[in-house]
């Protein structure tokens, strides 16, 4: 199963945000299974770094967390095709449309997010962490 992991799930783990930490940690833990591949989009990587640094304020610690993240997930590229598709969707949140376009065009099985309403019009499966676990 190929899964796109939304930014909020990663930040829940990196920043140990309660009450979401345990479920989100469980989602990232699924990557240990042979039948699960987890991805974070290249565009989300920059957002994750920025938001983590804004809270932690320690560049070396954030870089260490990013390296640990990359040991668990793969980075899904964001090409012009994904951007063009995202623009054509006309969703309210462009970032969500890019995330969706990455998952959809790269034929992933779905997206894991705490905010499934952001993907109401998705043509692929969208799970909350508790649903997937």
N, C-alpha and C. Protein backbone atom coordinates (compact mmCIF):
# COMPACT_ATOMS: atom_id res chain seq x y z
N UNK A 1 0.84 -1.17 0.00
CA UNK A 1 0.00 0.00 0.00
C UNK A 1 0.89 1.24 0.00
N UNK A 2 0.61 2.17 -0.90
CA UNK A 2 1.35 3.43 -0.99
C UNK A 2 0.50 4.54 -0.37
N UNK A 3 1.07 5.23 0.62
CA UNK A 3 0.32 6.26 1.35
C UNK A 3 1.05 7.60 1.32
N UNK A 4 0.31 8.65 1.08
CA UNK A 4 0.85 9.99 1.24
C UNK A 4 0.50 10.44 2.66
N UNK A 5 1.50 10.81 3.42
CA UNK A 5 1.30 11.24 4.80
C UNK A 5 1.21 12.77 4.81
N UNK A 6 0.11 13.28 5.31
CA UNK A 6 -0.11 14.72 5.31
C UNK A 6 0.78 15.40 6.34
N UNK A 7 1.03 16.66 6.12
CA UNK A 7 1.91 17.46 6.96
C UNK A 7 1.53 17.40 8.44
N UNK A 8 0.24 17.43 8.73
CA UNK A 8 -0.19 17.46 10.14
C UNK A 8 0.22 16.20 10.90
N UNK A 9 0.23 15.07 10.23
CA UNK A 9 0.61 13.81 10.88
C UNK A 9 2.10 13.86 11.25
N UNK A 10 2.92 14.32 10.33
CA UNK A 10 4.36 14.40 10.59
C UNK A 10 4.64 15.38 11.72
N UNK A 11 4.01 16.54 11.68
CA UNK A 11 4.24 17.53 12.73
C UNK A 11 3.76 17.05 14.09
N UNK A 12 2.68 16.27 14.11
CA UNK A 12 2.21 15.72 15.39
C UNK A 12 3.32 14.91 16.06
N UNK A 13 4.06 14.15 15.25
CA UNK A 13 5.12 13.31 15.79
C UNK A 13 6.36 14.14 16.11
N UNK A 14 6.79 14.96 15.18
CA UNK A 14 8.02 15.74 15.38
C UNK A 14 7.91 16.67 16.58
N UNK A 15 6.73 17.26 16.76
CA UNK A 15 6.54 18.25 17.82
C UNK A 15 5.84 17.66 19.04
N UNK A 16 5.59 16.34 18.99
CA UNK A 16 4.91 15.62 20.08
C UNK A 16 3.63 16.35 20.51
N UNK A 17 2.80 16.66 19.50
CA UNK A 17 1.56 17.39 19.76
C UNK A 17 0.50 16.44 20.29
N UNK A 18 0.02 16.78 21.46
CA UNK A 18 -1.07 16.01 22.07
C UNK A 18 -2.38 16.68 21.75
N UNK A 19 -3.45 15.93 21.64
CA UNK A 19 -3.60 14.49 21.89
C UNK A 19 -3.37 13.62 20.66
N UNK A 20 -2.68 14.14 19.65
CA UNK A 20 -2.56 13.46 18.36
C UNK A 20 -1.32 12.59 18.23
N UNK A 21 -0.36 12.76 19.11
CA UNK A 21 0.95 12.13 18.97
C UNK A 21 0.86 10.61 18.79
N UNK A 22 0.15 9.93 19.65
CA UNK A 22 0.13 8.45 19.63
C UNK A 22 -0.39 7.90 18.32
N UNK A 23 -1.52 8.42 17.85
CA UNK A 23 -2.08 7.92 16.59
C UNK A 23 -1.15 8.23 15.41
N UNK A 24 -0.62 9.43 15.40
CA UNK A 24 0.26 9.81 14.30
C UNK A 24 1.56 9.00 14.33
N UNK A 25 2.09 8.73 15.51
CA UNK A 25 3.26 7.89 15.65
C UNK A 25 2.96 6.49 15.11
N UNK A 26 1.76 6.00 15.40
CA UNK A 26 1.35 4.70 14.88
C UNK A 26 1.30 4.68 13.36
N UNK A 27 0.86 5.77 12.75
CA UNK A 27 0.82 5.85 11.29
C UNK A 27 2.23 5.77 10.73
N UNK A 28 3.17 6.54 11.26
CA UNK A 28 4.54 6.49 10.76
C UNK A 28 5.16 5.12 11.02
N UNK A 29 4.74 4.46 12.07
CA UNK A 29 5.24 3.13 12.38
C UNK A 29 4.83 2.08 11.37
N UNK A 30 3.76 2.33 10.62
CA UNK A 30 3.32 1.38 9.60
C UNK A 30 4.37 1.18 8.51
N UNK A 31 5.25 2.17 8.36
CA UNK A 31 6.29 2.08 7.32
C UNK A 31 7.24 0.92 7.55
N UNK A 32 7.26 0.38 8.77
CA UNK A 32 8.12 -0.79 9.06
C UNK A 32 7.61 -2.04 8.37
N UNK A 33 6.34 -2.04 8.00
CA UNK A 33 5.76 -3.22 7.35
C UNK A 33 6.24 -3.31 5.90
N UNK A 34 6.40 -4.53 5.42
CA UNK A 34 6.84 -4.73 4.04
C UNK A 34 5.79 -4.32 3.01
N UNK A 35 4.53 -4.30 3.42
CA UNK A 35 3.46 -4.00 2.47
C UNK A 35 3.00 -2.54 2.51
N UNK A 36 3.74 -1.68 3.20
CA UNK A 36 3.37 -0.27 3.32
C UNK A 36 4.56 0.60 2.91
N UNK A 37 4.30 1.54 1.99
CA UNK A 37 5.28 2.55 1.60
C UNK A 37 4.67 3.90 1.94
N UNK A 38 5.41 4.70 2.69
CA UNK A 38 4.89 6.01 3.08
C UNK A 38 5.71 7.11 2.41
N UNK A 39 4.99 8.14 1.99
CA UNK A 39 5.60 9.27 1.27
C UNK A 39 5.15 10.58 1.89
N UNK A 40 6.02 11.56 1.79
CA UNK A 40 5.70 12.95 2.09
C UNK A 40 6.07 13.71 0.83
N UNK A 41 5.23 14.62 0.41
CA UNK A 41 5.55 15.34 -0.83
C UNK A 41 6.72 16.29 -0.60
N UNK A 42 7.46 16.53 -1.67
CA UNK A 42 8.61 17.44 -1.60
C UNK A 42 8.17 18.83 -1.15
N UNK A 43 7.00 19.26 -1.56
CA UNK A 43 6.53 20.57 -1.13
C UNK A 43 6.21 20.59 0.36
N UNK A 44 5.73 19.47 0.90
CA UNK A 44 5.42 19.40 2.33
C UNK A 44 6.69 19.40 3.17
N UNK A 45 7.78 18.87 2.63
CA UNK A 45 9.04 18.84 3.37
C UNK A 45 9.45 20.25 3.78
N UNK A 46 9.34 21.19 2.87
CA UNK A 46 9.73 22.56 3.21
C UNK A 46 8.79 23.15 4.26
N UNK A 47 7.50 22.84 4.16
CA UNK A 47 6.54 23.32 5.16
C UNK A 47 6.83 22.72 6.53
N UNK A 48 7.14 21.43 6.55
CA UNK A 48 7.42 20.74 7.80
C UNK A 48 8.66 21.35 8.47
N UNK A 49 9.70 21.57 7.69
CA UNK A 49 10.91 22.18 8.25
C UNK A 49 10.59 23.56 8.83
N UNK A 50 9.91 24.38 8.05
CA UNK A 50 9.59 25.75 8.47
C UNK A 50 8.76 25.75 9.76
N UNK A 51 7.71 24.94 9.81
CA UNK A 51 6.83 24.93 10.98
C UNK A 51 7.53 24.34 12.20
N UNK A 52 8.33 23.31 12.00
CA UNK A 52 9.07 22.73 13.12
C UNK A 52 10.09 23.74 13.66
N UNK A 53 10.80 24.39 12.77
CA UNK A 53 11.80 25.38 13.21
C UNK A 53 11.13 26.54 13.95
N UNK A 54 9.99 26.96 13.46
CA UNK A 54 9.27 28.07 14.09
C UNK A 54 8.95 27.75 15.55
N UNK A 55 8.69 26.50 15.84
CA UNK A 55 8.36 26.11 17.21
C UNK A 55 9.61 25.75 18.02
N UNK A 56 10.53 25.00 17.43
CA UNK A 56 11.68 24.49 18.16
C UNK A 56 12.80 25.53 18.29
N UNK A 57 13.03 26.32 17.25
CA UNK A 57 14.05 27.37 17.22
C UNK A 57 15.48 26.86 17.42
N UNK A 58 15.72 25.65 16.92
CA UNK A 58 17.05 25.06 17.01
C UNK A 58 17.30 24.33 15.70
N UNK A 59 18.09 24.97 14.82
CA UNK A 59 18.31 24.45 13.47
C UNK A 59 18.88 23.04 13.49
N UNK A 60 19.86 22.77 14.34
CA UNK A 60 20.47 21.44 14.35
C UNK A 60 19.47 20.38 14.82
N UNK A 61 18.64 20.71 15.78
CA UNK A 61 17.63 19.75 16.24
C UNK A 61 16.59 19.48 15.16
N UNK A 62 16.16 20.52 14.47
CA UNK A 62 15.18 20.33 13.39
C UNK A 62 15.78 19.50 12.27
N UNK A 63 17.02 19.76 11.91
CA UNK A 63 17.68 18.97 10.86
C UNK A 63 17.80 17.51 11.28
N UNK A 64 18.08 17.27 12.54
CA UNK A 64 18.15 15.90 13.05
C UNK A 64 16.79 15.22 12.93
N UNK A 65 15.73 15.93 13.29
CA UNK A 65 14.38 15.38 13.17
C UNK A 65 14.03 15.11 11.71
N UNK A 66 14.45 15.98 10.82
CA UNK A 66 14.18 15.79 9.39
C UNK A 66 14.91 14.55 8.88
N UNK A 67 16.15 14.35 9.30
CA UNK A 67 16.90 13.16 8.89
C UNK A 67 16.21 11.90 9.41
N UNK A 68 15.71 11.95 10.63
CA UNK A 68 14.98 10.80 11.19
C UNK A 68 13.71 10.54 10.40
N UNK A 69 13.02 11.60 10.01
CA UNK A 69 11.81 11.44 9.20
C UNK A 69 12.14 10.74 7.89
N UNK A 70 13.24 11.15 7.25
CA UNK A 70 13.60 10.59 5.95
C UNK A 70 14.07 9.15 6.04
N UNK A 71 14.30 8.66 7.25
CA UNK A 71 14.61 7.25 7.44
C UNK A 71 13.33 6.42 7.44
N UNK A 72 12.18 7.08 7.60
CA UNK A 72 10.88 6.41 7.70
C UNK A 72 10.08 6.55 6.41
N UNK A 73 10.09 7.74 5.83
CA UNK A 73 9.28 8.02 4.65
C UNK A 73 10.18 8.33 3.45
N UNK A 74 9.60 8.19 2.28
CA UNK A 74 10.25 8.61 1.05
C UNK A 74 9.67 9.96 0.65
N UNK A 75 10.39 10.69 -0.17
CA UNK A 75 9.91 11.98 -0.64
C UNK A 75 9.34 11.80 -2.04
N UNK A 76 8.09 12.20 -2.20
CA UNK A 76 7.41 12.15 -3.49
C UNK A 76 7.64 13.47 -4.21
N UNK A 77 8.10 13.38 -5.44
CA UNK A 77 8.40 14.60 -6.19
C UNK A 77 7.14 15.38 -6.52
N UNK A 78 7.34 16.66 -6.72
CA UNK A 78 6.27 17.55 -7.16
C UNK A 78 6.75 18.18 -8.46
N UNK A 79 6.13 17.76 -9.55
CA UNK A 79 6.54 18.26 -10.86
C UNK A 79 5.51 19.27 -11.37
N UNK A 80 5.79 19.78 -12.53
CA UNK A 80 4.84 20.69 -13.17
C UNK A 80 3.48 20.04 -13.38
N UNK A 81 3.48 18.74 -13.63
CA UNK A 81 2.22 18.03 -13.84
C UNK A 81 1.34 18.08 -12.59
N UNK A 82 1.94 17.85 -11.42
CA UNK A 82 1.17 17.91 -10.18
C UNK A 82 0.68 19.33 -9.91
N UNK A 83 1.51 20.31 -10.20
CA UNK A 83 1.11 21.70 -9.98
C UNK A 83 -0.04 22.09 -10.92
N UNK A 84 0.09 21.72 -12.18
CA UNK A 84 -0.99 22.03 -13.14
C UNK A 84 -2.29 21.35 -12.74
N UNK A 85 -2.21 20.11 -12.29
CA UNK A 85 -3.41 19.41 -11.84
C UNK A 85 -4.01 20.11 -10.62
N UNK A 86 -3.16 20.52 -9.70
CA UNK A 86 -3.64 21.21 -8.49
C UNK A 86 -4.36 22.51 -8.86
N UNK A 87 -3.81 23.24 -9.80
CA UNK A 87 -4.44 24.48 -10.25
C UNK A 87 -5.81 24.20 -10.86
N UNK A 88 -5.90 23.13 -11.62
CA UNK A 88 -7.17 22.82 -12.30
C UNK A 88 -8.26 22.39 -11.33
N UNK A 89 -7.89 21.94 -10.14
CA UNK A 89 -8.89 21.48 -9.18
C UNK A 89 -9.74 22.60 -8.62
N UNK A 90 -9.18 23.80 -8.52
CA UNK A 90 -9.89 24.95 -7.96
C UNK A 90 -10.39 24.69 -6.55
N UNK A 91 -9.60 23.98 -5.75
CA UNK A 91 -9.93 23.77 -4.34
C UNK A 91 -9.64 25.06 -3.57
N UNK A 92 -10.22 25.19 -2.40
CA UNK A 92 -10.00 26.39 -1.58
C UNK A 92 -8.56 26.50 -1.11
N UNK A 93 -7.93 25.38 -0.78
CA UNK A 93 -6.57 25.40 -0.24
C UNK A 93 -5.62 24.80 -1.27
N UNK A 94 -4.75 25.63 -1.81
CA UNK A 94 -3.85 25.18 -2.86
C UNK A 94 -2.89 24.10 -2.35
N UNK A 95 -2.41 24.24 -1.14
CA UNK A 95 -1.50 23.24 -0.58
C UNK A 95 -2.16 21.86 -0.56
N UNK A 96 -3.43 21.80 -0.16
CA UNK A 96 -4.14 20.52 -0.14
C UNK A 96 -4.31 19.97 -1.56
N UNK A 97 -4.55 20.85 -2.52
CA UNK A 97 -4.71 20.38 -3.90
C UNK A 97 -3.39 19.85 -4.45
N UNK A 98 -2.28 20.42 -4.03
CA UNK A 98 -0.98 19.89 -4.45
C UNK A 98 -0.75 18.53 -3.81
N UNK A 99 -1.02 18.42 -2.50
CA UNK A 99 -0.85 17.14 -1.82
C UNK A 99 -1.68 16.06 -2.52
N UNK A 100 -2.92 16.38 -2.77
CA UNK A 100 -3.81 15.43 -3.43
C UNK A 100 -3.28 15.05 -4.82
N UNK A 101 -2.85 16.05 -5.58
CA UNK A 101 -2.36 15.79 -6.94
C UNK A 101 -1.15 14.87 -6.92
N UNK A 102 -0.28 15.04 -5.95
CA UNK A 102 0.88 14.16 -5.81
C UNK A 102 0.41 12.73 -5.59
N UNK A 103 -0.49 12.56 -4.64
CA UNK A 103 -0.98 11.20 -4.33
C UNK A 103 -1.73 10.60 -5.51
N UNK A 104 -2.57 11.37 -6.13
CA UNK A 104 -3.42 10.88 -7.23
C UNK A 104 -2.59 10.55 -8.47
N UNK A 105 -1.76 11.48 -8.91
CA UNK A 105 -1.00 11.27 -10.14
C UNK A 105 0.12 10.25 -9.98
N UNK A 106 0.58 10.04 -8.76
CA UNK A 106 1.61 9.04 -8.52
C UNK A 106 1.00 7.72 -8.06
N UNK A 107 -0.30 7.60 -8.28
CA UNK A 107 -1.06 6.37 -8.08
C UNK A 107 -0.87 5.77 -6.69
N UNK A 108 -0.99 6.64 -5.70
CA UNK A 108 -0.95 6.16 -4.32
C UNK A 108 -2.34 5.66 -3.94
N UNK A 109 -2.38 4.82 -2.92
CA UNK A 109 -3.65 4.26 -2.49
C UNK A 109 -4.49 5.24 -1.70
N UNK A 110 -3.85 6.24 -1.12
CA UNK A 110 -4.61 7.22 -0.38
C UNK A 110 -3.73 8.17 0.41
N UNK A 111 -4.42 9.03 1.15
CA UNK A 111 -3.79 10.06 1.97
C UNK A 111 -4.20 9.83 3.41
N UNK A 112 -3.26 10.01 4.33
CA UNK A 112 -3.56 9.93 5.75
C UNK A 112 -3.45 11.35 6.31
N UNK A 113 -4.53 11.82 6.92
CA UNK A 113 -4.60 13.19 7.43
C UNK A 113 -5.55 13.27 8.61
N UNK A 114 -5.34 14.26 9.45
CA UNK A 114 -6.31 14.52 10.51
C UNK A 114 -7.45 15.39 10.00
N UNK A 115 -7.31 15.91 8.79
CA UNK A 115 -8.31 16.83 8.24
C UNK A 115 -8.90 16.30 6.93
N UNK A 116 -9.69 15.22 7.01
CA UNK A 116 -10.22 14.65 5.76
C UNK A 116 -11.16 15.59 5.01
N UNK A 117 -11.74 16.55 5.68
CA UNK A 117 -12.61 17.51 4.99
C UNK A 117 -11.85 18.35 3.98
N UNK A 118 -10.53 18.45 4.16
CA UNK A 118 -9.72 19.20 3.20
C UNK A 118 -9.68 18.49 1.84
N UNK A 119 -10.06 17.22 1.83
CA UNK A 119 -9.98 16.38 0.62
C UNK A 119 -11.34 15.81 0.24
N UNK A 120 -12.40 16.56 0.50
CA UNK A 120 -13.77 16.08 0.25
C UNK A 120 -13.98 15.62 -1.19
N UNK A 121 -13.33 16.27 -2.12
CA UNK A 121 -13.55 15.96 -3.53
C UNK A 121 -12.54 14.95 -4.09
N UNK A 122 -11.80 14.32 -3.21
CA UNK A 122 -10.76 13.38 -3.64
C UNK A 122 -11.36 12.15 -4.30
N UNK A 123 -10.65 11.65 -5.29
CA UNK A 123 -11.05 10.43 -5.99
C UNK A 123 -10.25 9.23 -5.53
N UNK A 124 -9.44 9.42 -4.51
CA UNK A 124 -8.73 8.32 -3.87
C UNK A 124 -9.13 8.31 -2.40
N UNK A 125 -8.77 7.27 -1.70
CA UNK A 125 -9.15 7.11 -0.31
C UNK A 125 -8.43 8.13 0.57
N UNK A 126 -9.13 8.66 1.55
CA UNK A 126 -8.56 9.56 2.53
C UNK A 126 -8.91 9.01 3.91
N UNK A 127 -7.88 8.73 4.70
CA UNK A 127 -8.08 8.15 6.02
C UNK A 127 -7.68 9.11 7.12
N UNK A 128 -8.42 9.08 8.22
CA UNK A 128 -7.93 9.66 9.47
C UNK A 128 -7.04 8.59 10.08
N UNK A 129 -6.08 8.98 10.93
CA UNK A 129 -5.17 7.98 11.49
C UNK A 129 -5.88 6.82 12.17
N UNK A 130 -6.90 7.11 12.96
CA UNK A 130 -7.60 6.04 13.66
C UNK A 130 -8.33 5.08 12.71
N UNK A 131 -8.74 5.57 11.57
CA UNK A 131 -9.41 4.70 10.59
C UNK A 131 -8.41 3.75 9.94
N UNK A 132 -7.24 4.26 9.60
CA UNK A 132 -6.25 3.41 8.94
C UNK A 132 -5.66 2.38 9.90
N UNK A 133 -5.40 2.81 11.13
CA UNK A 133 -4.83 1.88 12.11
C UNK A 133 -5.82 0.79 12.45
